[in-house]
Amino acid sequence: MPRLGRMGSLPNAIIREMEKVLREAGENVQTRAQRSITEGSQSGMNHVVSAPGSPPNNDSGVLADGIETVRMGPLHLRVQSTADYGAALELGTSRMAARPYMAPARDAERVPTRRDLAKAFNQAVRRHFRK
């Protein structure tokens, strides 16, 4: 049976390992969203507006460059757009259909992130009790 003295550090060890996974997952979502905007698009005079339901096509670069991963607190991460019009493109408006770029990126990372979180959790527990 493990000594109770080691139990106190277990939550911190798990949190550290899981935060590494979440940080990587957030960066993956950020990269996927940015790529969905920039791949195949042309800016300037040759810019073509994306079809409803498709990610927005890059024009000025503000939307793609403004996507960032922010740590909000322990085990709390947010991938967000700093562009004023980011939410309108993602969700649509009364005058424009949605052109989602964040939700598809998040959804693509959901299964790998859950798998990686479970693996990190199990490894942290095993390491903790091997001491």
Protein backbone atom coordinates (compact mmCIF):
# COMPACT_ATOMS: atom_id res chain seq x y z
CA MET A 1 0.00 0.00 0.00
CA PRO A 2 1.41 3.43 -0.91
CA ARG A 3 2.42 5.81 1.80
CA LEU A 4 -0.04 8.62 2.35
CA GLY A 5 2.77 11.18 2.15
CA ARG A 6 3.04 10.66 -1.59
CA MET A 7 -0.69 11.05 -2.18
CA GLY A 8 -0.47 14.82 -1.72
CA SER A 9 1.74 15.32 -4.77
CA LEU A 10 -0.27 13.02 -7.03
CA PRO A 11 -2.81 15.65 -8.11
CA ASN A 12 -0.01 18.11 -8.96
CA ALA A 13 1.84 15.50 -11.01
CA ILE A 14 -1.32 14.62 -12.91
CA ILE A 15 -2.17 18.27 -13.52
CA ARG A 16 1.32 19.02 -14.86
CA GLU A 17 1.18 16.10 -17.30
CA MET A 18 -2.35 16.87 -18.42
CA GLU A 19 -1.56 20.55 -18.92
CA LYS A 20 1.24 19.57 -21.31
CA VAL A 21 -1.27 17.55 -23.35
CA LEU A 22 -3.83 20.37 -23.30
CA ARG A 23 -1.25 22.95 -24.38
CA GLU A 24 -0.26 20.76 -27.33
CA ALA A 25 -3.91 20.11 -28.21
CA GLY A 26 -4.66 23.84 -28.11
CA GLU A 27 -1.74 24.55 -30.40
CA ASN A 28 -2.96 21.81 -32.75
CA VAL A 29 -6.44 23.34 -32.86
CA GLN A 30 -4.90 26.75 -33.50
CA THR A 31 -2.76 25.41 -36.35
CA ARG A 32 -5.66 23.49 -37.92
CA ALA A 33 -7.89 26.57 -37.82
CA GLN A 34 -5.18 28.77 -39.32
CA ARG A 35 -4.47 26.26 -42.10
CA SER A 36 -8.15 25.90 -42.92
CA ILE A 37 -8.23 29.65 -43.57
CA THR A 38 -4.96 30.02 -45.48
CA GLU A 39 -4.69 26.86 -47.59
CA GLY A 40 -5.66 27.45 -51.18
CA SER A 41 -6.88 31.00 -50.69
CA GLN A 42 -5.68 34.12 -52.46
CA SER A 43 -5.60 37.57 -51.01
CA GLY A 44 -5.85 40.97 -52.59
CA MET A 45 -7.49 41.45 -55.98
CA ASN A 46 -7.77 37.69 -56.57
CA HIS A 47 -9.53 37.04 -53.26
CA VAL A 48 -12.62 34.84 -53.54
CA VAL A 49 -15.14 34.69 -50.70
CA SER A 50 -15.60 31.17 -49.33
CA ALA A 51 -18.81 29.24 -49.75
CA PRO A 52 -21.24 29.10 -46.82
CA GLY A 53 -20.32 26.24 -44.51
CA SER A 54 -16.66 26.29 -45.63
CA PRO A 55 -13.85 27.96 -43.70
CA PRO A 56 -13.27 31.59 -44.63
CA ASN A 57 -10.67 32.24 -47.31
CA ASN A 58 -7.68 34.27 -46.22
CA ASP A 59 -7.62 37.86 -47.42
CA SER A 60 -5.72 40.26 -45.15
CA GLY A 61 -4.31 37.63 -42.78
CA VAL A 62 -5.87 39.27 -39.73
CA LEU A 63 -8.17 36.33 -38.98
CA ALA A 64 -5.54 33.58 -39.27
CA ASP A 65 -2.83 35.60 -37.52
CA GLY A 66 -5.22 36.50 -34.71
CA ILE A 67 -5.91 32.92 -33.64
CA GLU A 68 -4.17 32.24 -30.35
CA THR A 69 -4.01 29.67 -27.59
CA VAL A 70 -4.37 31.18 -24.12
CA ARG A 71 -3.97 29.48 -20.73
CA MET A 72 -6.89 30.59 -18.58
CA GLY A 73 -5.94 28.62 -15.47
CA PRO A 74 -5.14 25.08 -14.33
CA LEU A 75 -6.48 22.64 -16.93
CA HIS A 76 -8.30 25.51 -18.68
CA LEU A 77 -7.17 26.54 -22.13
CA ARG A 78 -8.89 28.65 -24.76
CA VAL A 79 -8.22 28.89 -28.49
CA GLN A 80 -9.63 32.20 -29.63
CA SER A 81 -9.67 34.69 -32.46
CA THR A 82 -8.72 38.26 -31.76
CA ALA A 83 -10.24 39.45 -35.07
CA ASP A 84 -13.35 41.56 -34.50
CA TYR A 85 -15.23 39.55 -37.11
CA GLY A 86 -14.02 36.09 -36.04
CA ALA A 87 -17.23 35.12 -34.23
CA ALA A 88 -19.43 36.39 -37.08
CA LEU A 89 -17.57 34.18 -39.55
CA GLU A 90 -17.62 31.16 -37.23
CA LEU A 91 -21.29 31.40 -36.26
CA GLY A 92 -22.82 33.41 -39.07
CA THR A 93 -25.12 36.40 -38.76
CA SER A 94 -28.63 37.28 -39.88
CA ARG A 95 -27.11 38.41 -43.18
CA MET A 96 -24.35 35.82 -43.69
CA ALA A 97 -24.15 32.06 -43.37
CA ALA A 98 -21.55 30.60 -41.02
CA ARG A 99 -18.07 29.84 -42.28
CA PRO A 100 -16.78 27.71 -39.41
CA TYR A 101 -13.06 27.34 -38.88
CA MET A 102 -12.69 26.83 -35.11
CA ALA A 103 -15.29 24.13 -34.45
CA PRO A 104 -14.00 21.81 -37.21
CA ALA A 105 -10.44 22.25 -35.90
CA ARG A 106 -11.59 21.51 -32.34
CA ASP A 107 -13.63 18.51 -33.43
CA ALA A 108 -10.68 17.05 -35.36
CA GLU A 109 -8.54 17.17 -32.21
CA ARG A 110 -11.17 15.82 -29.80
CA VAL A 111 -10.42 12.07 -30.07
CA PRO A 112 -6.61 12.36 -30.11
CA THR A 113 -6.74 14.75 -27.15
CA ARG A 114 -8.90 12.43 -25.07
CA ARG A 115 -6.57 9.54 -25.88
CA ASP A 116 -3.49 11.60 -24.98
CA LEU A 117 -5.07 12.87 -21.74
CA ALA A 118 -5.86 9.31 -20.63
CA LYS A 119 -2.32 8.22 -21.47
CA ALA A 120 -0.79 11.17 -19.57
CA PHE A 121 -3.01 10.51 -16.57
CA ASN A 122 -2.08 6.82 -16.44
CA GLN A 123 1.63 7.53 -16.86
CA ALA A 124 1.60 10.14 -14.09
CA VAL A 125 -0.14 7.73 -11.70
CA ARG A 126 2.27 4.89 -12.54
CA ARG A 127 5.34 7.13 -12.11
CA HIS A 128 4.00 8.46 -8.83
CA PHE A 129 3.54 5.03 -7.27
CA ARG A 130 6.88 3.64 -8.54
CA LYS A 131 8.78 6.04 -6.30
